[in-house]
Structure formats: structure tokens, C-alpha cells
């Protein structure tokens, strides 16, 4: 997996004052050692994306499985479900999938590169009050008046109080010992803290990092990768923590009601604390900045799942029906007095349906009674409006969508050729499923092999016609494979001349392949796909 750094905002000079209603109090960082959970593994279905799970497993699975005695890098599990946050530079929907943990946040900025997880400059945001909504887009808020260390009720130090020390270097040199104490009244006279763990081990971005923190950031130990444990670097420190944005300071805070000396330092993504009185393995801990950020940005209550495509697919899915009579006339109105639709070579609207055909009912309307009191007619096409009598069909229960062999981040479309089905997912969440008809495969006859290509593709954005004429099959009009069809609606190209498009000339959806390579969907379903943004993944598999 690839770890990318987010872009840091510059320090604002003016803040918009906003009163935050902190209605839910979350646990702040304490120096009490983090204990391993009782379960032997953390369920993957609690993670919004498999890549989030992989990152979490690398460092924290060993704690859950009692393979290591150390403090959490993320926390025992996510704080809640994943959801989408506004981020103008995320592609293709202008929002990004995020999930919060005790210690931080994971995010996917580009759904085409889900392995490129970023970690959020959330400490910078809480100290400066600049809530980041794009690479160069910020919303001004009041810095977070939330304790960074010790008990939740500690009045100091808070993120807001660190604003005056943000990016302020004290000029430390490697080997110097941090003795500076910070209190609510400011920097205090130096005390005799001669702890060797407080010696500066490195200078990063003009800030000195004490040995306690530098050793922690570069610590090796049991990590979980590809189903097994190995001893390796527990975390890439630049990815997980970022650069320091304050110097390290000693401070006095209450921990479980008792006052203790704690060394702390703010980094772009995390707060680190060193408590000499803690047992080995837990002297250095990452602060609960994920909890703190949720409290600051969302008043302690995480938003509900909110996929950017949920409004498209949140409505009731049209019901499918199977024709039960040997032949069923298609009418232009709800009664036998209405004629069949006009059919031409280039507009071959269905005039009859046959036993076993599948239709998708857009609505049920009242019309002519044919079987006793039954006056229900099903409309399955619009413009022109086409109807069939409900007494000659039966409801069709859609089968389960075959599990795709691969899962993608963000919204994506799956097409199963073996089951002649199409589904829309958001990550692992199934939002919608339906029936399609794919290309006719003739591998022994290359000139007449119209197989639908398999693999991972993207909906193209350069040409997405709402309606177009399609010509193909053969160059010679006398060839039986030649076709020309007018008013093909809701066309979404995903690879060369292959597209998902609406179909009005057959009702073989979910039955057998029928097309010259495209994915034939109902006009309604193709209209839903048409609303997905260019760049959305289309994954086609057997």
C-alpha cells in the first residue's frame, strides 16, 4: 500500500469566532495503559474500506491478538461507520470516504487509488481553527478548546492554547535535554528534568524531537501483513504522525485524578505524550485526537453513512416480472383498444413479448379489465409509453448478485456475465442490483465474436450522449449482423466503443447474452448509471 501526506494549511492570522455546542463528551487521552481487546481479531465488516482494515491490522492487530504489549496506534476498532466528508479536490465526487478511530482518521482522496490512504492533518486543524475542505480550501472555526493530555476536565494544555506555540522553534540542538515547562500562564522557568528520554534525538522542520518520541516513531515489533506476523517497522512515522508543529514541553496534568508530569509534543496528525511513571510499553502514547476531532467538528456525534450516490439509488427499486403467456401484446395504453407501438427498422419497439421474457415495471396503472376484476396494467417503457396486462406476468425475485472477485473504493459498477446481472456498490456496500444482457460470445468465430470485455474500466467523460444512433455488427448492410438503432438512450461508454446503455428492442435481461458487446440495460437502469460521474469504475467479470 502507498501512504501519502496531506497538504498542510498555513497558519491563519484571523479566526472566525464560532460557538461550539459540545453536547457529547468523549474520553480524552489518559496515561492509563491501553489494554488488548478480548477478541482474537477485529471484524473486517466494521471497516468502511478493506484498505483501512489493512492499515489498521499492520500495527494494531498484534495488540488485539496479545502478540505485543504496546499502546494503540489507531485504537481497538473504528469509532463508527465510515462516511463521506466534503473535500473539493477528491475525485470523482468532490467528497472522500473517511473513518475515525480513537487516535486519528483514515481517508481516501481518490477512489481510483484506494491504496493511497492519507491520515488527515487534524491536529493542525484543531490548533489553528482552519478546517480543511480541499487542498487550498478552508473553513475558519474557533480552535479546539479540548485538553490534549490527561483527564477530560484538564483546562490546560488545549489545542487552542497551543496556537501561540504553533511552528515556534526554541532552537534546540541534538543532545540537548528538554526542560521547558508549559503552563496556562506561559513558558515557565526550566526545571531539572534530567530524564535521558527527554534528550533531543533529531531535528525535523526546525523542531527538536526527544528520544522518547523518536524511538517510538521508529520502533519495530510484531506487525501483521498478508496473514502472518513479522518483526518490522510498526508504522511509517511521516504517514502516521507527520512533522512536529510545536516543540516538546513538560506540563502538569491530572491523570485519573492524580497530578503527573507529562512530556508532550504536537505533530501534524497526532499528539504524543511521554509519562515516565507509566509501565514499559505504555510510557509513550498517541493522544485520542480522533475522538477530539469528532468532538470539535461534529459536536461528538458522527454523521450517518452518506454515499454521494445514495440519492440516486435510495428510491424503491422497480419490480421485475416474467411473462407467463406464450405471447403477450404490447400496447401503447392500458387496454386492448390501444394499438401496438409502431415499429421500424431503426426503431424496433417491442410489439409482442414471449413466455419467459423479463420486463421492469416502472408503474402500475388502472385500465381495461380482462380477468374478472383485474384492471392492473404495467408500464415498462416511457416515451413512447408501453404497457402489458398484469394478468399475463408474474413477479420475478432477483437472484443474489454473485460476489465480485474484487472490491473497489467509492462508488463502482459490477457486471456479472455468468448471471447476466449488474449491481452498483459503494465500497463493499451493495446499493442496487438489476438484470442485463451482455455480448454474444463466439470464440471460435473471431468475425462474429461479440463478447463483452472483462476487467476494470472507467466511465468515460469525453462523450456521454443522452441519446444517440448506434451502428455496428458489420460494415456491410447486407450482413445479418449489421444493425442501426436510433434513439439509444442513457449511454455511458467505459472502454473503446463498449458502453452501458438503455435497450428497447428486446426483453432478454437476465436470460442470455444478446448484444454486440455492450451491456444492454433497461432504459431506467441505464439512466441511473448515466448519473454516475465520469471516472467511476466499471468492473466486468464472469
Protein backbone atom coordinates (compact mmCIF):
# COMPACT_ATOMS: atom_id res chain seq x y z
CA UNK A 1 0.00 0.00 0.00
CA UNK A 2 1.10 3.59 -0.58
CA UNK A 3 1.00 6.20 2.15
CA UNK A 4 0.59 9.81 1.03
CA UNK A 5 0.93 13.01 3.01
CA UNK A 6 -1.87 15.59 3.04
CA UNK A 7 -1.20 19.22 2.29
CA UNK A 8 -0.82 21.38 5.39
CA UNK A 9 -2.60 24.72 5.68
CA UNK A 10 -0.63 27.83 6.51
CA UNK A 11 -1.29 29.35 9.91
CA UNK A 12 -4.33 31.67 9.74
CA UNK A 13 -3.96 35.14 11.22
CA UNK A 14 -7.68 35.83 11.68
CA UNK A 15 -10.23 33.38 13.04
CA UNK A 16 -14.00 33.46 12.66
CA UNK A 17 -15.46 33.08 16.14
CA UNK A 18 -17.97 30.26 16.29
CA UNK A 19 -19.50 28.96 19.50
CA UNK A 20 -19.30 25.18 19.51
CA UNK A 21 -22.04 23.30 21.32
CA UNK A 22 -20.13 20.36 22.75
CA UNK A 23 -23.08 18.18 23.63
CA UNK A 24 -21.25 14.88 23.85
CA UNK A 25 -18.10 14.49 25.92
CA UNK A 26 -15.70 11.90 24.57
CA UNK A 27 -12.87 10.39 26.54
CA UNK A 28 -9.68 12.42 26.30
CA UNK A 29 -6.22 10.94 26.35
CA UNK A 30 -5.16 9.48 29.65
CA UNK A 31 -1.87 7.92 30.53
CA UNK A 32 -3.59 4.74 31.64
CA UNK A 33 -2.08 1.87 29.63
CA UNK A 34 -4.21 0.67 26.71
CA UNK A 35 -5.28 -2.93 27.23
CA UNK A 36 -5.76 -5.50 24.50
CA UNK A 37 -9.30 -6.36 23.48
CA UNK A 38 -10.70 -9.78 24.36
CA UNK A 39 -11.49 -10.76 20.77
CA UNK A 40 -8.85 -12.53 18.72
CA UNK A 41 -9.46 -10.42 15.62
CA UNK A 42 -11.29 -7.28 14.61
CA UNK A 43 -14.18 -7.92 12.20
CA UNK A 44 -13.40 -6.53 8.77
CA UNK A 45 -17.04 -5.55 8.26
CA UNK A 46 -16.66 -2.78 10.85
CA UNK A 47 -14.23 -1.04 8.48
CA UNK A 48 -15.56 1.18 5.70
CA UNK A 49 -12.91 0.01 3.23
CA UNK A 50 -10.65 -3.07 3.08
CA UNK A 51 -7.63 -0.79 2.73
CA UNK A 52 -8.49 0.85 6.06
CA UNK A 53 -8.58 -2.62 7.58
CA UNK A 54 -5.15 -3.47 6.15
CA UNK A 55 -3.57 -0.31 7.58
CA UNK A 56 -5.15 -0.92 10.99
CA UNK A 57 -4.11 -4.59 11.02
CA UNK A 58 -0.47 -3.76 10.31
CA UNK A 59 0.08 -2.04 13.65
CA UNK A 60 -2.86 -2.86 15.95
CA UNK A 61 -3.84 -6.46 15.20
CA UNK A 62 -0.89 -7.58 17.32
CA UNK A 63 -2.37 -5.79 20.34
CA UNK A 64 -5.78 -7.40 19.84
CA UNK A 65 -4.18 -10.85 19.47
CA UNK A 66 -1.93 -10.33 22.53
CA UNK A 67 1.17 -10.58 20.37
CA UNK A 68 2.53 -7.24 21.63
CA UNK A 69 2.33 -5.11 24.78
CA UNK A 70 2.26 -1.57 23.46
CA UNK A 71 -0.08 1.37 23.16
CA UNK A 72 -2.54 1.72 20.28
CA UNK A 73 -1.62 3.39 17.02
CA UNK A 74 -5.27 3.67 15.92
CA UNK A 75 -7.44 2.12 18.61
CA UNK A 76 -9.19 -1.22 19.18
CA UNK A 77 -11.78 -0.57 16.45
CA UNK A 78 -13.30 2.25 14.38
CA UNK A 79 -15.34 4.81 16.29
CA UNK A 80 -18.28 4.26 13.93
CA UNK A 81 -19.23 3.62 10.33
CA UNK A 82 -17.37 5.31 7.52
CA UNK A 83 -18.97 8.23 5.72
CA UNK A 84 -18.14 10.88 3.14
CA UNK A 85 -16.72 14.27 4.05
CA UNK A 86 -16.72 17.23 1.71
CA UNK A 87 -13.31 17.63 0.08
CA UNK A 88 -13.37 19.59 -3.17
CA UNK A 89 -10.24 18.02 -4.66
CA UNK A 90 -11.29 14.40 -4.16
CA UNK A 91 -12.17 12.58 -7.37
CA UNK A 92 -14.57 11.93 -8.87
CA UNK A 93 -17.34 13.10 -6.48
CA UNK A 94 -15.81 16.02 -4.54
CA UNK A 95 -16.07 14.14 -1.25
CA UNK A 96 -13.88 11.48 0.32
CA UNK A 97 -14.53 8.35 2.31
CA UNK A 98 -13.31 8.74 5.89
CA UNK A 99 -13.40 6.67 9.05
CA UNK A 100 -12.47 7.82 12.54
CA UNK A 101 -10.53 5.98 15.22
CA UNK A 102 -9.57 6.92 18.78
CA UNK A 103 -6.17 8.10 17.62
CA UNK A 104 -6.77 9.53 14.16
CA UNK A 105 -8.72 9.38 10.89
CA UNK A 106 -8.20 7.43 7.67
CA UNK A 107 -9.29 8.87 4.33
CA UNK A 108 -9.29 8.02 0.62
CA UNK A 109 -8.95 11.11 -1.56
CA UNK A 110 -9.01 9.37 -4.94
CA UNK A 111 -11.27 6.33 -5.31
CA UNK A 112 -9.14 5.14 -8.25
CA UNK A 113 -6.18 4.82 -5.87
CA UNK A 114 -7.69 3.36 -2.68
CA UNK A 115 -4.31 2.10 -1.51
CA UNK A 116 -3.13 5.72 -1.28
CA UNK A 117 -4.62 6.34 2.15
CA UNK A 118 -3.96 9.62 3.91
CA UNK A 119 -4.22 10.30 7.59
CA UNK A 120 -5.55 13.83 7.99
CA UNK A 121 -3.79 16.92 9.39
CA UNK A 122 -6.39 17.03 12.11
CA UNK A 123 -4.10 18.35 14.87
CA UNK A 124 -3.16 21.30 12.64
CA UNK A 125 -6.85 21.98 12.08
CA UNK A 126 -7.73 21.90 15.77
CA UNK A 127 -4.81 24.15 16.77
CA UNK A 128 -5.32 26.73 14.00
CA UNK A 129 -9.10 26.50 13.64
CA UNK A 130 -8.66 26.09 9.86
CA UNK A 131 -10.95 23.17 8.92
CA UNK A 132 -9.64 21.82 5.63
CA UNK A 133 -12.23 21.18 2.87
CA UNK A 134 -9.88 20.99 -0.11
CA UNK A 135 -6.20 21.24 -0.95
CA UNK A 136 -6.45 25.04 -0.69
CA UNK A 137 -9.94 25.43 0.79
CA UNK A 138 -10.53 26.09 4.49
CA UNK A 139 -13.40 26.97 6.78
CA UNK A 140 -12.48 29.26 9.68
CA UNK A 141 -13.53 27.97 13.09
CA UNK A 142 -12.56 28.57 16.68
CA UNK A 143 -9.56 26.42 17.66
CA UNK A 144 -10.50 23.39 19.76
CA UNK A 145 -10.81 24.10 23.48
CA UNK A 146 -10.17 20.43 24.25
CA UNK A 147 -7.48 19.01 26.51
CA UNK A 148 -4.64 17.31 24.64
CA UNK A 149 -3.42 15.24 27.61
CA UNK A 150 -4.69 13.74 30.83
CA UNK A 151 -8.25 13.79 32.13
CA UNK A 152 -11.02 15.35 30.01
CA UNK A 153 -11.56 18.11 32.58
CA UNK A 154 -8.00 19.44 32.41
CA UNK A 155 -8.12 23.12 31.48
CA UNK A 156 -4.59 23.08 30.06
CA UNK A 157 -2.98 22.34 27.68
CA UNK A 158 -5.68 22.51 24.99
CA UNK A 159 -5.36 22.62 21.22
CA UNK A 160 -6.47 26.26 21.31
CA UNK A 161 -3.80 27.14 23.89
CA UNK A 162 -1.11 25.67 21.61
CA UNK A 163 -1.96 28.15 18.85
CA UNK A 164 0.63 30.65 20.11
CA UNK A 165 3.31 27.93 20.08
CA UNK A 166 2.41 26.60 16.62
CA UNK A 167 5.55 26.40 14.42
CA UNK A 168 7.58 28.31 17.04
CA UNK A 169 11.09 26.85 17.35
CA UNK A 170 13.10 27.07 20.57
CA UNK A 171 16.35 26.41 18.71
CA UNK A 172 17.13 23.03 20.27
CA UNK A 173 20.26 21.17 19.20
CA UNK A 174 20.63 17.39 19.10
CA UNK A 175 21.69 16.16 22.55
CA UNK A 176 20.03 18.98 24.48
CA UNK A 177 17.58 17.94 27.21
CA UNK A 178 14.01 19.28 27.14
CA UNK A 179 13.45 21.01 30.46
CA UNK A 180 10.98 23.68 29.38
CA UNK A 181 7.64 23.52 31.18
CA UNK A 182 4.42 24.89 29.74
CA UNK A 183 1.58 26.16 31.94
CA UNK A 184 -1.55 28.20 31.33
CA UNK A 185 0.45 31.32 32.20
CA UNK A 186 3.05 30.52 29.54
CA UNK A 187 6.55 29.06 29.45
CA UNK A 188 7.84 28.51 32.97
CA UNK A 189 11.40 28.60 34.32
CA UNK A 190 13.35 25.49 33.44
CA UNK A 191 13.10 22.66 35.94
CA UNK A 192 15.64 19.92 36.48
CA UNK A 193 14.11 17.26 34.23
CA UNK A 194 17.16 15.14 33.51
CA UNK A 195 15.32 12.16 32.06
CA UNK A 196 17.53 10.81 29.23
CA UNK A 197 14.35 10.14 27.22
CA UNK A 198 13.88 13.91 27.06
CA UNK A 199 17.14 14.43 25.14
CA UNK A 200 16.69 15.74 21.60
CA UNK A 201 17.37 12.88 19.16
CA UNK A 202 16.69 14.66 15.85
CA UNK A 203 15.64 18.00 14.38
CA UNK A 204 12.70 17.92 11.98
CA UNK A 205 11.21 21.11 10.49
CA UNK A 206 13.25 23.18 12.97
CA UNK A 207 11.66 21.34 15.90
CA UNK A 208 13.52 19.03 18.25
CA UNK A 209 12.07 15.56 18.78
CA UNK A 210 13.01 13.94 22.12
CA UNK A 211 14.41 10.41 22.21
CA UNK A 212 11.24 9.02 23.81
CA UNK A 213 9.18 10.10 20.80
CA UNK A 214 11.79 9.44 18.11
CA UNK A 215 12.37 5.89 19.37
CA UNK A 216 8.61 5.32 19.46
CA UNK A 217 8.16 6.61 15.90
CA UNK A 218 10.88 4.28 14.62
CA UNK A 219 10.01 1.30 16.77
CA UNK A 220 10.00 -2.22 15.36
CA UNK A 221 7.98 -5.15 16.63
CA UNK A 222 5.32 -7.68 15.66
CA UNK A 223 3.24 -6.43 12.73
CA UNK A 224 0.54 -8.20 10.74
CA UNK A 225 0.82 -8.41 6.95
CA UNK A 226 -0.62 -10.88 4.45
CA UNK A 227 -1.97 -13.21 7.11
CA UNK A 228 1.16 -13.56 9.21
CA UNK A 229 3.23 -11.79 11.85
CA UNK A 230 6.74 -10.49 11.25
CA UNK A 231 9.04 -8.15 13.14
CA UNK A 232 9.23 -4.90 11.20
CA UNK A 233 8.74 -1.15 11.43
CA UNK A 234 5.40 -0.69 13.19
CA UNK A 235 4.47 2.49 11.37
CA UNK A 236 5.85 4.93 8.85
CA UNK A 237 6.19 7.93 11.15
CA UNK A 238 5.69 10.57 8.47
CA UNK A 239 2.46 8.89 7.37
CA UNK A 240 1.06 8.27 10.83
CA UNK A 241 2.32 11.33 12.70
CA UNK A 242 3.62 13.92 10.28
CA UNK A 243 6.15 16.60 11.14
CA UNK A 244 6.27 18.27 14.56
CA UNK A 245 4.37 21.56 14.72
CA UNK A 246 5.32 22.51 18.29
CA UNK A 247 8.37 21.88 20.40
CA UNK A 248 8.16 19.26 23.14
CA UNK A 249 7.13 20.63 26.55
CA UNK A 250 6.74 19.28 30.03
CA UNK A 251 3.44 20.03 31.71
CA UNK A 252 1.50 19.01 34.80
CA UNK A 253 -1.86 17.37 34.17
CA UNK A 254 -4.26 15.24 36.15
CA UNK A 255 -4.41 11.60 35.09
CA UNK A 256 -7.18 9.60 36.77
CA UNK A 257 -7.43 12.46 39.25
CA UNK A 258 -3.72 12.47 40.16
CA UNK A 259 -1.32 15.18 39.05
CA UNK A 260 1.59 13.91 36.94
CA UNK A 261 4.50 15.30 34.95
CA UNK A 262 3.95 14.57 31.26
CA UNK A 263 6.12 15.43 28.26
CA UNK A 264 4.01 16.15 25.16
CA UNK A 265 4.51 17.31 21.58
CA UNK A 266 2.07 18.20 18.80
CA UNK A 267 2.62 16.77 15.33
CA UNK A 268 0.61 17.45 12.18
CA UNK A 269 -1.51 14.33 12.65
CA UNK A 270 -1.01 13.20 16.25
CA UNK A 271 -0.25 14.26 19.81
CA UNK A 272 2.47 12.22 21.53
CA UNK A 273 2.83 12.01 25.31
CA UNK A 274 5.58 10.55 27.47
CA UNK A 275 4.66 9.67 31.06
CA UNK A 276 7.72 8.36 32.95
CA UNK A 277 5.55 6.76 35.65
CA UNK A 278 3.72 4.52 33.16
CA UNK A 279 4.80 0.87 32.76
CA UNK A 280 7.12 -0.11 29.92
CA UNK A 281 5.36 -0.34 26.57
CA UNK A 282 2.94 2.42 27.56
CA UNK A 283 5.22 5.28 28.56
CA UNK A 284 4.72 6.84 25.11
CA UNK A 285 1.17 7.03 23.80
CA UNK A 286 -0.66 8.66 20.94
CA UNK A 287 -3.36 11.05 22.05
CA UNK A 288 -7.02 10.45 21.27
CA UNK A 289 -7.02 13.09 18.56
CA UNK A 290 -9.60 11.19 16.50
CA UNK A 291 -12.06 11.44 19.39
CA UNK A 292 -11.12 15.07 19.95
CA UNK A 293 -11.62 15.97 16.29
CA UNK A 294 -15.07 14.37 16.22
CA UNK A 295 -15.95 16.40 19.31
CA UNK A 296 -14.67 19.61 17.69
CA UNK A 297 -16.04 19.21 14.16
CA UNK A 298 -19.21 17.21 14.79
CA UNK A 299 -20.01 18.06 18.42
CA UNK A 300 -19.23 14.46 19.31
CA UNK A 301 -21.77 12.78 17.01
CA UNK A 302 -20.52 11.14 13.83
CA UNK A 303 -22.64 11.67 10.69
CA UNK A 304 -24.59 8.74 9.29
CA UNK A 305 -23.45 6.89 6.19
CA UNK A 306 -23.92 9.31 3.29
CA UNK A 307 -22.61 7.97 -0.02
CA UNK A 308 -22.55 10.68 -2.72
CA UNK A 309 -24.60 8.36 -4.96
CA UNK A 310 -27.11 7.33 -2.30
CA UNK A 311 -29.74 9.85 -3.54
CA UNK A 312 -29.61 8.20 -6.97
CA UNK A 313 -30.28 4.69 -5.68
CA UNK A 314 -32.17 5.35 -2.46
CA UNK A 315 -35.64 5.09 -4.03
CA UNK A 316 -37.71 1.95 -4.37
CA UNK A 317 -36.25 -0.37 -6.98
CA UNK A 318 -38.69 -1.12 -9.82
CA UNK A 319 -40.05 -4.66 -9.68
CA UNK A 320 -39.23 -7.23 -12.30
CA UNK A 321 -41.81 -9.51 -13.94
CA UNK A 322 -41.64 -12.63 -16.08
CA UNK A 323 -44.06 -13.19 -18.95
CA UNK A 324 -46.20 -16.30 -18.36
CA UNK A 325 -48.29 -16.43 -21.56
CA UNK A 326 -46.98 -17.81 -24.84
CA UNK A 327 -47.36 -14.40 -26.47
CA UNK A 328 -48.27 -11.06 -24.91
CA UNK A 329 -49.20 -7.98 -26.91
CA UNK A 330 -47.51 -4.71 -26.02
CA UNK A 331 -49.95 -1.80 -26.05
CA UNK A 332 -49.50 1.97 -26.19
CA UNK A 333 -52.12 2.37 -23.46
CA UNK A 334 -53.72 0.29 -20.66
CA UNK A 335 -56.23 -1.63 -22.76
CA UNK A 336 -56.71 -3.83 -25.82
CA UNK A 337 -58.18 -0.92 -27.77
CA UNK A 338 -54.77 0.73 -27.82
CA UNK A 339 -52.58 -0.25 -30.78
CA UNK A 340 -49.19 -1.90 -30.72
CA UNK A 341 -46.28 0.54 -30.93
CA UNK A 342 -45.10 1.49 -34.38
CA UNK A 343 -42.02 -0.49 -35.37
CA UNK A 344 -39.40 0.46 -37.96
CA UNK A 345 -36.01 -0.92 -38.93
CA UNK A 346 -34.20 1.72 -36.88
CA UNK A 347 -36.79 1.98 -34.07
CA UNK A 348 -37.79 -1.66 -33.44
CA UNK A 349 -40.03 -1.13 -30.41
CA UNK A 350 -41.34 -4.38 -28.98
CA UNK A 351 -44.81 -5.28 -30.24
CA UNK A 352 -45.02 -8.68 -28.57
CA UNK A 353 -43.39 -10.35 -25.59
CA UNK A 354 -42.94 -14.08 -25.24
CA UNK A 355 -43.02 -16.59 -22.44
CA UNK A 356 -40.01 -16.21 -20.17
CA UNK A 357 -39.22 -12.61 -21.20
CA UNK A 358 -38.34 -10.22 -18.36
CA UNK A 359 -39.65 -6.68 -18.00
CA UNK A 360 -39.05 -3.99 -15.40
CA UNK A 361 -42.30 -2.30 -14.33
CA UNK A 362 -42.00 1.45 -13.89
CA UNK A 363 -45.53 1.82 -12.54
CA UNK A 364 -48.91 0.09 -12.26
CA UNK A 365 -51.90 1.89 -13.78
CA UNK A 366 -55.61 1.17 -13.96
CA UNK A 367 -57.06 0.17 -17.31
CA UNK A 368 -59.25 -2.36 -19.05
CA UNK A 369 -60.46 -5.33 -17.02
CA UNK A 370 -59.62 -8.63 -18.68
CA UNK A 371 -59.68 -11.25 -15.91
CA UNK A 372 -62.68 -10.60 -13.73
CA UNK A 373 -61.91 -7.59 -11.55
CA UNK A 374 -58.23 -7.29 -12.51
CA UNK A 375 -57.71 -3.92 -14.19
CA UNK A 376 -53.98 -3.53 -13.49
CA UNK A 377 -51.62 -2.79 -16.36
CA UNK A 378 -47.85 -2.48 -16.08
CA UNK A 379 -45.98 0.33 -17.79
CA UNK A 380 -42.45 -0.80 -18.66
CA UNK A 381 -41.30 1.97 -21.01
CA UNK A 382 -41.71 5.73 -21.31
CA UNK A 383 -41.75 7.94 -24.40
CA UNK A 384 -43.34 6.09 -26.04
CA UNK A 385 -45.42 4.72 -23.17
CA UNK A 386 -45.69 0.93 -23.42
CA UNK A 387 -47.94 -1.34 -21.35
CA UNK A 388 -48.71 -5.02 -20.79
CA UNK A 389 -51.58 -6.62 -18.93
CA UNK A 390 -50.64 -7.76 -15.40
CA UNK A 391 -52.63 -10.98 -15.69
CA UNK A 392 -50.07 -12.40 -18.11
CA UNK A 393 -46.96 -11.89 -15.96
CA UNK A 394 -45.68 -12.94 -12.55
CA UNK A 395 -43.34 -11.19 -10.15
CA UNK A 396 -39.70 -12.14 -10.52
CA UNK A 397 -37.43 -12.24 -7.47
CA UNK A 398 -33.95 -11.15 -8.45
CA UNK A 399 -31.23 -13.66 -7.54
CA UNK A 400 -28.30 -12.69 -5.34
CA UNK A 401 -25.59 -10.78 -7.12
CA UNK A 402 -22.56 -13.08 -7.49
CA UNK A 403 -19.80 -11.84 -5.20
CA UNK A 404 -17.34 -9.85 -7.31
CA UNK A 405 -13.77 -11.21 -7.09
CA UNK A 406 -12.55 -7.68 -6.41
CA UNK A 407 -13.86 -4.75 -4.37
CA UNK A 408 -13.24 -1.10 -5.19
CA UNK A 409 -13.33 2.05 -3.11
CA UNK A 410 -16.10 4.58 -3.51
CA UNK A 411 -18.99 4.14 -5.98
CA UNK A 412 -18.49 1.47 -8.64
CA UNK A 413 -20.49 -0.74 -11.01
CA UNK A 414 -20.20 -4.53 -11.18
CA UNK A 415 -21.38 -6.63 -14.14
CA UNK A 416 -21.61 -10.43 -13.85
CA UNK A 417 -21.60 -12.10 -17.27
CA UNK A 418 -22.37 -15.56 -15.89
CA UNK A 419 -25.55 -14.35 -14.17
CA UNK A 420 -26.39 -11.53 -16.60
CA UNK A 421 -26.67 -9.09 -13.71
CA UNK A 422 -25.46 -5.60 -12.88
CA UNK A 423 -25.03 -4.02 -9.44
CA UNK A 424 -23.92 -0.70 -8.00
CA UNK A 425 -21.74 -0.65 -4.90
CA UNK A 426 -20.20 1.93 -2.64
CA UNK A 427 -17.07 0.16 -1.47
CA UNK A 428 -18.37 -3.17 -0.11
CA UNK A 429 -21.96 -1.88 0.29
CA UNK A 430 -24.47 -3.13 -2.28
CA UNK A 431 -26.82 -0.27 -3.19
CA UNK A 432 -28.68 -1.59 -6.24
CA UNK A 433 -28.91 -4.69 -8.44
CA UNK A 434 -30.70 -5.49 -11.67
CA UNK A 435 -30.67 -7.61 -14.84
CA UNK A 436 -28.77 -7.01 -18.07
CA UNK A 437 -27.95 -8.71 -21.35
CA UNK A 438 -24.30 -8.76 -22.44
CA UNK A 439 -22.47 -9.55 -25.68
CA UNK A 440 -22.83 -12.82 -27.57
CA UNK A 441 -19.62 -14.83 -27.27
CA UNK A 442 -18.43 -16.82 -30.30
CA UNK A 443 -14.75 -17.52 -29.53
CA UNK A 444 -14.48 -19.92 -32.47
CA UNK A 445 -15.56 -17.25 -34.95
CA UNK A 446 -13.49 -14.06 -34.47
CA UNK A 447 -15.50 -12.14 -37.06
CA UNK A 448 -18.73 -12.79 -35.13
CA UNK A 449 -17.41 -12.84 -31.55
CA UNK A 450 -19.19 -10.01 -29.74
CA UNK A 451 -18.02 -10.85 -26.22
CA UNK A 452 -18.26 -8.12 -23.61
CA UNK A 453 -14.72 -7.36 -22.38
CA UNK A 454 -13.86 -8.31 -18.81
CA UNK A 455 -11.71 -6.31 -16.41
CA UNK A 456 -11.69 -2.96 -14.68
CA UNK A 457 -12.68 0.14 -16.67
CA UNK A 458 -13.74 3.75 -16.07
CA UNK A 459 -16.86 5.56 -17.25
CA UNK A 460 -15.59 7.99 -19.85
CA UNK A 461 -16.41 11.67 -19.70
CA UNK A 462 -15.49 12.98 -23.15
CA UNK A 463 -18.66 11.66 -24.81
CA UNK A 464 -21.76 10.69 -22.82
CA UNK A 465 -24.80 11.06 -25.07
CA UNK A 466 -28.26 11.15 -23.54
CA UNK A 467 -29.48 9.67 -26.82
CA UNK A 468 -27.68 8.57 -29.96
CA UNK A 469 -27.85 6.38 -33.04
CA UNK A 470 -25.74 3.22 -32.92
CA UNK A 471 -24.41 1.36 -35.94
CA UNK A 472 -22.28 -1.78 -35.90
CA UNK A 473 -22.07 -5.54 -36.10
CA UNK A 474 -20.72 -5.48 -39.65
CA UNK A 475 -19.69 -2.90 -42.25
CA UNK A 476 -21.87 -4.42 -44.98
CA UNK A 477 -25.53 -3.52 -44.57
CA UNK A 478 -26.46 -6.81 -46.22
CA UNK A 479 -24.71 -8.76 -43.46
CA UNK A 480 -27.27 -10.16 -40.96
CA UNK A 481 -25.07 -8.88 -38.10
CA UNK A 482 -25.36 -5.27 -39.31
CA UNK A 483 -27.58 -3.01 -37.27
CA UNK A 484 -28.57 0.61 -36.97
CA UNK A 485 -30.64 1.71 -33.99
CA UNK A 486 -31.96 5.21 -33.37
CA UNK A 487 -32.65 6.87 -30.01
CA UNK A 488 -30.45 4.62 -27.88
CA UNK A 489 -30.72 6.35 -24.52
CA UNK A 490 -28.51 6.94 -21.47
CA UNK A 491 -25.21 5.85 -22.99
CA UNK A 492 -22.18 5.52 -20.69
CA UNK A 493 -19.03 4.43 -22.53
CA UNK A 494 -16.44 2.62 -20.44
CA UNK A 495 -13.98 1.10 -22.96
CA UNK A 496 -13.49 1.99 -26.62
CA UNK A 497 -16.93 1.51 -28.27
CA UNK A 498 -18.36 -0.52 -25.38
CA UNK A 499 -21.00 1.09 -23.20
CA UNK A 500 -23.81 0.52 -20.75
CA UNK A 501 -26.96 1.81 -22.46
CA UNK A 502 -30.72 1.64 -22.46
CA UNK A 503 -32.41 -1.06 -24.55
CA UNK A 504 -35.93 -1.07 -26.02
CA UNK A 505 -35.73 -3.78 -28.73
CA UNK A 506 -35.66 -6.95 -26.60
CA UNK A 507 -36.62 -8.28 -23.16
CA UNK A 508 -33.88 -10.87 -22.63
CA UNK A 509 -32.49 -9.22 -19.50
CA UNK A 510 -31.09 -11.77 -17.08
CA UNK A 511 -31.76 -14.63 -19.52
CA UNK A 512 -28.97 -14.84 -22.07
CA UNK A 513 -26.42 -12.62 -23.90
CA UNK A 514 -28.00 -10.70 -26.74
CA UNK A 515 -25.82 -7.69 -27.60
CA UNK A 516 -22.91 -6.94 -29.92
CA UNK A 517 -20.66 -6.39 -26.88
CA UNK A 518 -22.30 -3.56 -24.97
CA UNK A 519 -24.09 -4.04 -21.66
CA UNK A 520 -27.80 -3.86 -22.50
CA UNK A 521 -29.79 -2.50 -19.56
CA UNK A 522 -33.32 -1.20 -19.28
CA UNK A 523 -33.60 2.48 -20.11
CA UNK A 524 -34.44 3.12 -16.45
CA UNK A 525 -31.34 1.32 -15.14
CA UNK A 526 -29.11 2.88 -17.79
CA UNK A 527 -30.45 6.24 -16.64
CA UNK A 528 -29.23 5.53 -13.11
CA UNK A 529 -25.77 4.60 -14.39
CA UNK A 530 -25.81 7.74 -16.54
CA UNK A 531 -25.99 9.83 -13.35
CA UNK A 532 -22.69 8.41 -12.07
CA UNK A 533 -19.71 10.66 -12.67
CA UNK A 534 -17.04 10.09 -15.27
CA UNK A 535 -14.20 8.14 -13.70
CA UNK A 536 -16.49 5.75 -11.83
CA UNK A 537 -15.14 2.18 -12.01
CA UNK A 538 -16.98 -0.45 -14.08
CA UNK A 539 -15.81 -3.96 -13.20
CA UNK A 540 -16.90 -6.80 -15.50
CA UNK A 541 -16.28 -10.40 -14.54
CA UNK A 542 -17.57 -13.86 -15.35
